[in-house]
Amino acid sequence: VEVHLETGRTHQIRVHFSALRHPCVGDLTYGADPALAA
């Protein structure tokens, strides 16, 4: 996905996509699947 930030909060993209249950691949802090990352 291409993302345009209107605001600039700490971890904004990571938090927002995690909240949608679509965390960034590899982002284990915010709920990503470790098997997929590996």
ModelCIF file with pLDDT and N, C-alpha, C, O atoms, coordinates in Angstrom:
data_MODEL
#
_entry.id   MODEL 
#
_entity.id                         1 
_entity.type                       polymer 
_entity.pdbx_number_of_molecules   1 
#
_entity_poly.entity_id                      1 
_entity_poly.type                           'polypeptide(L)' 
_entity_poly.nstd_linkage                   no 
_entity_poly.nstd_monomer                   no 
_entity_poly.pdbx_seq_one_letter_code       VEVHLETGRTHQIRVHFSALRHPCVGDLTYGADPALAA 
_entity_poly.pdbx_seq_one_letter_code_can   VEVHLETGRTHQIRVHFSALRHPCVGDLTYGADPALAA 
_entity_poly.pdbx_strand_id                 A 
#
loop_
_entity_poly_seq.entity_id 
_entity_poly_seq.num 
_entity_poly_seq.mon_id 
_entity_poly_seq.hetero 
1 1  VAL n 
1 2  GLU n 
1 3  VAL n 
1 4  HIS n 
1 5  LEU n 
1 6  GLU n 
1 7  THR n 
1 8  GLY n 
1 9  ARG n 
1 10 THR n 
1 11 HIS n 
1 12 GLN n 
1 13 ILE n 
1 14 ARG n 
1 15 VAL n 
1 16 HIS n 
1 17 PHE n 
1 18 SER n 
1 19 ALA n 
1 20 LEU n 
1 21 ARG n 
1 22 HIS n 
1 23 PRO n 
1 24 CYS n 
1 25 VAL n 
1 26 GLY n 
1 27 ASP n 
1 28 LEU n 
1 29 THR n 
1 30 TYR n 
1 31 GLY n 
1 32 ALA n 
1 33 ASP n 
1 34 PRO n 
1 35 ALA n 
1 36 LEU n 
1 37 ALA n 
1 38 ALA n 
#
_struct_asym.id          A 
_struct_asym.entity_id   1 
#
loop_
_ma_qa_metric.id 
_ma_qa_metric.mode 
_ma_qa_metric.name 
_ma_qa_metric.software_group_id 
_ma_qa_metric.type 
1 global pLDDT . pLDDT 
2 local  pLDDT . pLDDT 
#
_ma_qa_metric_global.metric_id      1 
_ma_qa_metric_global.metric_value   95.66 
_ma_qa_metric_global.model_id       1 
_ma_qa_metric_global.ordinal_id     1 
#
loop_
_ma_qa_metric_local.label_asym_id 
_ma_qa_metric_local.label_comp_id 
_ma_qa_metric_local.label_seq_id 
_ma_qa_metric_local.metric_id 
_ma_qa_metric_local.metric_value 
_ma_qa_metric_local.model_id 
_ma_qa_metric_local.ordinal_id 
A VAL 1  2 98.00 1 1  
A GLU 2  2 98.00 1 2  
A VAL 3  2 98.00 1 3  
A HIS 4  2 97.00 1 4  
A LEU 5  2 94.00 1 5  
A GLU 6  2 92.00 1 6  
A THR 7  2 91.00 1 7  
A GLY 8  2 89.00 1 8  
A ARG 9  2 91.00 1 9  
A THR 10 2 89.00 1 10 
A HIS 11 2 95.00 1 11 
A GLN 12 2 96.00 1 12 
A ILE 13 2 97.00 1 13 
A ARG 14 2 97.00 1 14 
A VAL 15 2 97.00 1 15 
A HIS 16 2 98.00 1 16 
A PHE 17 2 98.00 1 17 
A SER 18 2 97.00 1 18 
A ALA 19 2 96.00 1 19 
A LEU 20 2 96.00 1 20 
A ARG 21 2 97.00 1 21 
A HIS 22 2 98.00 1 22 
A PRO 23 2 98.00 1 23 
A CYS 24 2 98.00 1 24 
A VAL 25 2 97.00 1 25 
A GLY 26 2 96.00 1 26 
A ASP 27 2 96.00 1 27 
A LEU 28 2 95.00 1 28 
A THR 29 2 93.00 1 29 
A TYR 30 2 96.00 1 30 
A GLY 31 2 95.00 1 31 
A ALA 32 2 97.00 1 32 
A ASP 33 2 96.00 1 33 
A PRO 34 2 96.00 1 34 
A ALA 35 2 96.00 1 35 
A LEU 36 2 96.00 1 36 
A ALA 37 2 96.00 1 37 
A ALA 38 2 95.00 1 38 
#
loop_
_atom_site.group_PDB 
_atom_site.id 
_atom_site.type_symbol 
_atom_site.label_atom_id 
_atom_site.label_alt_id 
_atom_site.label_comp_id 
_atom_site.label_asym_id 
_atom_site.label_entity_id 
_atom_site.label_seq_id 
_atom_site.pdbx_PDB_ins_code 
_atom_site.Cartn_x 
_atom_site.Cartn_y 
_atom_site.Cartn_z 
_atom_site.occupancy 
_atom_site.B_iso_or_equiv 
_atom_site.pdbx_formal_charge 
_atom_site.auth_seq_id 
_atom_site.auth_comp_id 
_atom_site.auth_asym_id 
_atom_site.auth_atom_id 
_atom_site.pdbx_PDB_model_num 
ATOM 1   N N  . VAL A 1 1  ? 0.833  -1.197  0.000  1.00 98.00 ? 1  VAL A N  1 
ATOM 2   C CA . VAL A 1 1  ? 0.000  0.000   0.000  1.00 98.00 ? 1  VAL A CA 1 
ATOM 3   C C  . VAL A 1 1  ? 0.871  1.251   0.000  1.00 98.00 ? 1  VAL A C  1 
ATOM 4   O O  . VAL A 1 1  ? 1.979  1.265   0.537  1.00 98.00 ? 1  VAL A O  1 
ATOM 5   N N  . GLU A 1 2  ? 0.331  2.306   -0.624 1.00 98.00 ? 2  GLU A N  1 
ATOM 6   C CA . GLU A 1 2  ? 0.970  3.619   -0.554 1.00 98.00 ? 2  GLU A CA 1 
ATOM 7   C C  . GLU A 1 2  ? 0.234  4.425   0.509  1.00 98.00 ? 2  GLU A C  1 
ATOM 8   O O  . GLU A 1 2  ? -0.996 4.458   0.534  1.00 98.00 ? 2  GLU A O  1 
ATOM 9   N N  . VAL A 1 3  ? 0.982  5.063   1.369  1.00 98.00 ? 3  VAL A N  1 
ATOM 10  C CA . VAL A 1 3  ? 0.409  5.757   2.511  1.00 98.00 ? 3  VAL A CA 1 
ATOM 11  C C  . VAL A 1 3  ? 0.810  7.225   2.497  1.00 98.00 ? 3  VAL A C  1 
ATOM 12  O O  . VAL A 1 3  ? 1.988  7.551   2.347  1.00 98.00 ? 3  VAL A O  1 
ATOM 13  N N  . HIS A 1 4  ? -0.168 8.109   2.653  1.00 97.00 ? 4  HIS A N  1 
ATOM 14  C CA . HIS A 1 4  ? 0.080  9.548   2.792  1.00 97.00 ? 4  HIS A CA 1 
ATOM 15  C C  . HIS A 1 4  ? -0.303 9.941   4.216  1.00 97.00 ? 4  HIS A C  1 
ATOM 16  O O  . HIS A 1 4  ? -1.436 9.730   4.646  1.00 97.00 ? 4  HIS A O  1 
ATOM 17  N N  . LEU A 1 5  ? 0.646  10.509  4.931  1.00 94.00 ? 5  LEU A N  1 
ATOM 18  C CA . LEU A 1 5  ? 0.372  10.927  6.299  1.00 94.00 ? 5  LEU A CA 1 
ATOM 19  C C  . LEU A 1 5  ? -0.123 12.363  6.340  1.00 94.00 ? 5  LEU A C  1 
ATOM 20  O O  . LEU A 1 5  ? 0.528  13.279  5.837  1.00 94.00 ? 5  LEU A O  1 
ATOM 21  N N  . GLU A 1 6  ? -1.284 12.539  6.946  1.00 92.00 ? 6  GLU A N  1 
ATOM 22  C CA . GLU A 1 6  ? -1.783 13.897  7.162  1.00 92.00 ? 6  GLU A CA 1 
ATOM 23  C C  . GLU A 1 6  ? -1.239 14.445  8.478  1.00 92.00 ? 6  GLU A C  1 
ATOM 24  O O  . GLU A 1 6  ? -0.934 15.633  8.588  1.00 92.00 ? 6  GLU A O  1 
ATOM 25  N N  . THR A 1 7  ? -1.122 13.571  9.469  1.00 91.00 ? 7  THR A N  1 
ATOM 26  C CA . THR A 1 7  ? -0.502 13.930  10.743 1.00 91.00 ? 7  THR A CA 1 
ATOM 27  C C  . THR A 1 7  ? 0.774  13.099  10.884 1.00 91.00 ? 7  THR A C  1 
ATOM 28  O O  . THR A 1 7  ? 1.042  12.234  10.050 1.00 91.00 ? 7  THR A O  1 
ATOM 29  N N  . GLY A 1 8  ? 1.550  13.352  11.916 1.00 89.00 ? 8  GLY A N  1 
ATOM 30  C CA . GLY A 1 8  ? 2.824  12.661  12.069 1.00 89.00 ? 8  GLY A CA 1 
ATOM 31  C C  . GLY A 1 8  ? 3.045  12.145  13.472 1.00 89.00 ? 8  GLY A C  1 
ATOM 32  O O  . GLY A 1 8  ? 4.028  12.511  14.116 1.00 89.00 ? 8  GLY A O  1 
ATOM 33  N N  . ARG A 1 9  ? 2.144  11.297  13.962 1.00 91.00 ? 9  ARG A N  1 
ATOM 34  C CA . ARG A 1 9  ? 2.289  10.748  15.305 1.00 91.00 ? 9  ARG A CA 1 
ATOM 35  C C  . ARG A 1 9  ? 3.329  9.625   15.329 1.00 91.00 ? 9  ARG A C  1 
ATOM 36  O O  . ARG A 1 9  ? 3.583  8.976   14.315 1.00 91.00 ? 9  ARG A O  1 
ATOM 37  N N  . THR A 1 10 ? 3.916  9.413   16.490 1.00 89.00 ? 10 THR A N  1 
ATOM 38  C CA . THR A 1 10 ? 4.869  8.326   16.651 1.00 89.00 ? 10 THR A CA 1 
ATOM 39  C C  . THR A 1 10 ? 4.196  6.985   16.340 1.00 89.00 ? 10 THR A C  1 
ATOM 40  O O  . THR A 1 10 ? 3.134  6.667   16.874 1.00 89.00 ? 10 THR A O  1 
ATOM 41  N N  . HIS A 1 11 ? 4.847  6.204   15.458 1.00 95.00 ? 11 HIS A N  1 
ATOM 42  C CA . HIS A 1 11 ? 4.355  4.869   15.068 1.00 95.00 ? 11 HIS A CA 1 
ATOM 43  C C  . HIS A 1 11 ? 2.997  4.924   14.370 1.00 95.00 ? 11 HIS A C  1 
ATOM 44  O O  . HIS A 1 11 ? 2.278  3.924   14.365 1.00 95.00 ? 11 HIS A O  1 
ATOM 45  N N  . GLN A 1 12 ? 2.627  6.057   13.783 1.00 96.00 ? 12 GLN A N  1 
ATOM 46  C CA . GLN A 1 12 ? 1.260  6.228   13.286 1.00 96.00 ? 12 GLN A CA 1 
ATOM 47  C C  . GLN A 1 12 ? 0.832  5.141   12.301 1.00 96.00 ? 12 GLN A C  1 
ATOM 48  O O  . GLN A 1 12 ? -0.216 4.523   12.484 1.00 96.00 ? 12 GLN A O  1 
ATOM 49  N N  . ILE A 1 13 ? 1.624  4.904   11.270 1.00 97.00 ? 13 ILE A N  1 
ATOM 50  C CA . ILE A 1 13 ? 1.236  3.924   10.257 1.00 97.00 ? 13 ILE A CA 1 
ATOM 51  C C  . ILE A 1 13 ? 1.144  2.535   10.882 1.00 97.00 ? 13 ILE A C  1 
ATOM 52  O O  . ILE A 1 13 ? 0.206  1.785   10.613 1.00 97.00 ? 13 ILE A O  1 
ATOM 53  N N  . ARG A 1 14 ? 2.110  2.206   11.706 1.00 97.00 ? 14 ARG A N  1 
ATOM 54  C CA . ARG A 1 14 ? 2.144  0.890   12.344 1.00 97.00 ? 14 ARG A CA 1 
ATOM 55  C C  . ARG A 1 14 ? 0.918  0.688   13.234 1.00 97.00 ? 14 ARG A C  1 
ATOM 56  O O  . ARG A 1 14 ? 0.297  -0.375  13.211 1.00 97.00 ? 14 ARG A O  1 
ATOM 57  N N  . VAL A 1 15 ? 0.575  1.700   14.011 1.00 97.00 ? 15 VAL A N  1 
ATOM 58  C CA . VAL A 1 15 ? -0.563 1.594   14.926 1.00 97.00 ? 15 VAL A CA 1 
ATOM 59  C C  . VAL A 1 15 ? -1.875 1.520   14.157 1.00 97.00 ? 15 VAL A C  1 
ATOM 60  O O  . VAL A 1 15 ? -2.734 0.695   14.467 1.00 97.00 ? 15 VAL A O  1 
ATOM 61  N N  . HIS A 1 16 ? -2.033 2.385   13.149 1.00 98.00 ? 16 HIS A N  1 
ATOM 62  C CA . HIS A 1 16 ? -3.299 2.412   12.418 1.00 98.00 ? 16 HIS A CA 1 
ATOM 63  C C  . HIS A 1 16 ? -3.560 1.099   11.679 1.00 98.00 ? 16 HIS A C  1 
ATOM 64  O O  . HIS A 1 16 ? -4.679 0.586   11.716 1.00 98.00 ? 16 HIS A O  1 
ATOM 65  N N  . PHE A 1 17 ? -2.550 0.553   11.015 1.00 98.00 ? 17 PHE A N  1 
ATOM 66  C CA . PHE A 1 17 ? -2.790 -0.692  10.278 1.00 98.00 ? 17 PHE A CA 1 
ATOM 67  C C  . PHE A 1 17 ? -2.930 -1.881  11.228 1.00 98.00 ? 17 PHE A C  1 
ATOM 68  O O  . PHE A 1 17 ? -3.644 -2.837  10.926 1.00 98.00 ? 17 PHE A O  1 
ATOM 69  N N  . SER A 1 18 ? -2.258 -1.823  12.362 1.00 97.00 ? 18 SER A N  1 
ATOM 70  C CA . SER A 1 18 ? -2.456 -2.858  13.375 1.00 97.00 ? 18 SER A CA 1 
ATOM 71  C C  . SER A 1 18 ? -3.891 -2.823  13.898 1.00 97.00 ? 18 SER A C  1 
ATOM 72  O O  . SER A 1 18 ? -4.501 -3.868  14.126 1.00 97.00 ? 18 SER A O  1 
ATOM 73  N N  . ALA A 1 19 ? -4.426 -1.614  14.085 1.00 96.00 ? 19 ALA A N  1 
ATOM 74  C CA . ALA A 1 19 ? -5.800 -1.475  14.573 1.00 96.00 ? 19 ALA A CA 1 
ATOM 75  C C  . ALA A 1 19 ? -6.808 -2.046  13.576 1.00 96.00 ? 19 ALA A C  1 
ATOM 76  O O  . ALA A 1 19 ? -7.885 -2.497  13.968 1.00 96.00 ? 19 ALA A O  1 
ATOM 77  N N  . LEU A 1 20 ? -6.456 -2.027  12.279 1.00 96.00 ? 20 LEU A N  1 
ATOM 78  C CA . LEU A 1 20 ? -7.319 -2.619  11.245 1.00 96.00 ? 20 LEU A CA 1 
ATOM 79  C C  . LEU A 1 20 ? -7.107 -4.123  11.112 1.00 96.00 ? 20 LEU A C  1 
ATOM 80  O O  . LEU A 1 20 ? -7.750 -4.776  10.289 1.00 96.00 ? 20 LEU A O  1 
ATOM 81  N N  . ARG A 1 21 ? -6.199 -4.672  11.927 1.00 97.00 ? 21 ARG A N  1 
ATOM 82  C CA . ARG A 1 21 ? -5.812 -6.083  11.867 1.00 97.00 ? 21 ARG A CA 1 
ATOM 83  C C  . ARG A 1 21 ? -5.049 -6.406  10.590 1.00 97.00 ? 21 ARG A C  1 
ATOM 84  O O  . ARG A 1 21 ? -5.123 -7.519  10.069 1.00 97.00 ? 21 ARG A O  1 
ATOM 85  N N  . HIS A 1 22 ? -4.318 -5.416  10.096 1.00 98.00 ? 22 HIS A N  1 
ATOM 86  C CA . HIS A 1 22 ? -3.428 -5.595  8.944  1.00 98.00 ? 22 HIS A CA 1 
ATOM 87  C C  . HIS A 1 22 ? -2.063 -4.990  9.273  1.00 98.00 ? 22 HIS A C  1 
ATOM 88  O O  . HIS A 1 22 ? -1.637 -4.038  8.619  1.00 98.00 ? 22 HIS A O  1 
ATOM 89  N N  . PRO A 1 23 ? -1.368 -5.537  10.288 1.00 98.00 ? 23 PRO A N  1 
ATOM 90  C CA . PRO A 1 23 ? -0.083 -4.947  10.673 1.00 98.00 ? 23 PRO A CA 1 
ATOM 91  C C  . PRO A 1 23 ? 0.949  -5.048  9.558  1.00 98.00 ? 23 PRO A C  1 
ATOM 92  O O  . PRO A 1 23 ? 0.844  -5.899  8.674  1.00 98.00 ? 23 PRO A O  1 
ATOM 93  N N  . CYS A 1 24 ? 1.946  -4.170  9.608  1.00 98.00 ? 24 CYS A N  1 
ATOM 94  C CA . CYS A 1 24 ? 3.043  -4.256  8.648  1.00 98.00 ? 24 CYS A CA 1 
ATOM 95  C C  . CYS A 1 24 ? 3.739  -5.600  8.793  1.00 98.00 ? 24 CYS A C  1 
ATOM 96  O O  . CYS A 1 24 ? 3.986  -6.062  9.907  1.00 98.00 ? 24 CYS A O  1 
ATOM 97  N N  . VAL A 1 25 ? 4.054  -6.224  7.668  1.00 97.00 ? 25 VAL A N  1 
ATOM 98  C CA . VAL A 1 25 ? 4.801  -7.481  7.696  1.00 97.00 ? 25 VAL A CA 1 
ATOM 99  C C  . VAL A 1 25 ? 6.091  -7.260  8.498  1.00 97.00 ? 25 VAL A C  1 
ATOM 100 O O  . VAL A 1 25 ? 6.804  -6.281  8.276  1.00 97.00 ? 25 VAL A O  1 
ATOM 101 N N  . GLY A 1 26 ? 6.379  -8.166  9.419  1.00 96.00 ? 26 GLY A N  1 
ATOM 102 C CA . GLY A 1 26 ? 7.596  -8.062  10.214 1.00 96.00 ? 26 GLY A CA 1 
ATOM 103 C C  . GLY A 1 26 ? 7.482  -7.231  11.473 1.00 96.00 ? 26 GLY A C  1 
ATOM 104 O O  . GLY A 1 26 ? 8.415  -7.199  12.276 1.00 96.00 ? 26 GLY A O  1 
ATOM 105 N N  . ASP A 1 27 ? 6.345  -6.550  11.668 1.00 96.00 ? 27 ASP A N  1 
ATOM 106 C CA . ASP A 1 27 ? 6.198  -5.663  12.825 1.00 96.00 ? 27 ASP A CA 1 
ATOM 107 C C  . ASP A 1 27 ? 5.649  -6.448  14.015 1.00 96.00 ? 27 ASP A C  1 
ATOM 108 O O  . ASP A 1 27 ? 4.467  -6.355  14.345 1.00 96.00 ? 27 ASP A O  1 
ATOM 109 N N  . LEU A 1 28 ? 6.529  -7.223  14.652 1.00 95.00 ? 28 LEU A N  1 
ATOM 110 C CA . LEU A 1 28 ? 6.102  -8.095  15.742 1.00 95.00 ? 28 LEU A CA 1 
ATOM 111 C C  . LEU A 1 28 ? 5.593  -7.293  16.936 1.00 95.00 ? 28 LEU A C  1 
ATOM 112 O O  . LEU A 1 28 ? 4.759  -7.785  17.696 1.00 95.00 ? 28 LEU A O  1 
ATOM 113 N N  . THR A 1 29 ? 6.080  -6.072  17.110 1.00 93.00 ? 29 THR A N  1 
ATOM 114 C CA . THR A 1 29 ? 5.615  -5.227  18.218 1.00 93.00 ? 29 THR A CA 1 
ATOM 115 C C  . THR A 1 29 ? 4.119  -4.965  18.118 1.00 93.00 ? 29 THR A C  1 
ATOM 116 O O  . THR A 1 29 ? 3.431  -4.869  19.134 1.00 93.00 ? 29 THR A O  1 
ATOM 117 N N  . TYR A 1 30 ? 3.618  -4.848  16.895 1.00 96.00 ? 30 TYR A N  1 
ATOM 118 C CA . TYR A 1 30 ? 2.214  -4.510  16.697 1.00 96.00 ? 30 TYR A CA 1 
ATOM 119 C C  . TYR A 1 30 ? 1.414  -5.646  16.075 1.00 96.00 ? 30 TYR A C  1 
ATOM 120 O O  . TYR A 1 30 ? 0.464  -5.415  15.326 1.00 96.00 ? 30 TYR A O  1 
ATOM 121 N N  . GLY A 1 31 ? 1.808  -6.872  16.393 1.00 95.00 ? 31 GLY A N  1 
ATOM 122 C CA . GLY A 1 31 ? 0.946  -8.003  16.084 1.00 95.00 ? 31 GLY A CA 1 
ATOM 123 C C  . GLY A 1 31 ? 1.177  -8.734  14.783 1.00 95.00 ? 31 GLY A C  1 
ATOM 124 O O  . GLY A 1 31 ? 0.326  -9.522  14.368 1.00 95.00 ? 31 GLY A O  1 
ATOM 125 N N  . ALA A 1 32 ? 2.309  -8.499  14.120 1.00 97.00 ? 32 ALA A N  1 
ATOM 126 C CA . ALA A 1 32 ? 2.575  -9.209  12.868 1.00 97.00 ? 32 ALA A CA 1 
ATOM 127 C C  . ALA A 1 32 ? 2.841  -10.687 13.134 1.00 97.00 ? 32 ALA A C  1 
ATOM 128 O O  . ALA A 1 32 ? 3.244  -11.071 14.232 1.00 97.00 ? 32 ALA A O  1 
ATOM 129 N N  . ASP A 1 33 ? 2.608  -11.510 12.112 1.00 96.00 ? 33 ASP A N  1 
ATOM 130 C CA . ASP A 1 33 ? 2.810  -12.951 12.186 1.00 96.00 ? 33 ASP A CA 1 
ATOM 131 C C  . ASP A 1 33 ? 4.303  -13.262 12.100 1.00 96.00 ? 33 ASP A C  1 
ATOM 132 O O  . ASP A 1 33 ? 4.918  -12.998 11.067 1.00 96.00 ? 33 ASP A O  1 
ATOM 133 N N  . PRO A 1 34 ? 4.903  -13.814 13.153 1.00 96.00 ? 34 PRO A N  1 
ATOM 134 C CA . PRO A 1 34 ? 6.346  -14.082 13.106 1.00 96.00 ? 34 PRO A CA 1 
ATOM 135 C C  . PRO A 1 34 ? 6.724  -15.124 12.061 1.00 96.00 ? 34 PRO A C  1 
ATOM 136 O O  . PRO A 1 34 ? 7.832  -15.090 11.524 1.00 96.00 ? 34 PRO A O  1 
ATOM 137 N N  . ALA A 1 35 ? 5.811  -16.051 11.767 1.00 96.00 ? 35 ALA A N  1 
ATOM 138 C CA . ALA A 1 35 ? 6.110  -17.074 10.761 1.00 96.00 ? 35 ALA A CA 1 
ATOM 139 C C  . ALA A 1 35 ? 6.224  -16.444 9.371  1.00 96.00 ? 35 ALA A C  1 
ATOM 140 O O  . ALA A 1 35 ? 7.117  -16.796 8.600  1.00 96.00 ? 35 ALA A O  1 
ATOM 141 N N  . LEU A 1 36 ? 5.329  -15.520 9.055  1.00 96.00 ? 36 LEU A N  1 
ATOM 142 C CA . LEU A 1 36 ? 5.386  -14.840 7.767  1.00 96.00 ? 36 LEU A CA 1 
ATOM 143 C C  . LEU A 1 36 ? 6.655  -13.994 7.675  1.00 96.00 ? 36 LEU A C  1 
ATOM 144 O O  . LEU A 1 36 ? 7.316  -13.973 6.637  1.00 96.00 ? 36 LEU A O  1 
ATOM 145 N N  . ALA A 1 37 ? 6.991  -13.304 8.753  1.00 96.00 ? 37 ALA A N  1 
ATOM 146 C CA . ALA A 1 37 ? 8.207  -12.488 8.762  1.00 96.00 ? 37 ALA A CA 1 
ATOM 147 C C  . ALA A 1 37 ? 9.440  -13.350 8.524  1.00 96.00 ? 37 ALA A C  1 
ATOM 148 O O  . ALA A 1 37 ? 10.337 -12.971 7.770  1.00 96.00 ? 37 ALA A O  1 
ATOM 149 N N  . ALA A 1 38 ? 9.478  -14.511 9.169  1.00 95.00 ? 38 ALA A N  1 
ATOM 150 C CA . ALA A 1 38 ? 10.635 -15.398 9.021  1.00 95.00 ? 38 ALA A CA 1 
ATOM 151 C C  . ALA A 1 38 ? 10.763 -15.909 7.596  1.00 95.00 ? 38 ALA A C  1 
ATOM 152 O O  . ALA A 1 38 ? 11.683 -16.669 7.294  1.00 95.00 ? 38 ALA A O  1 
#
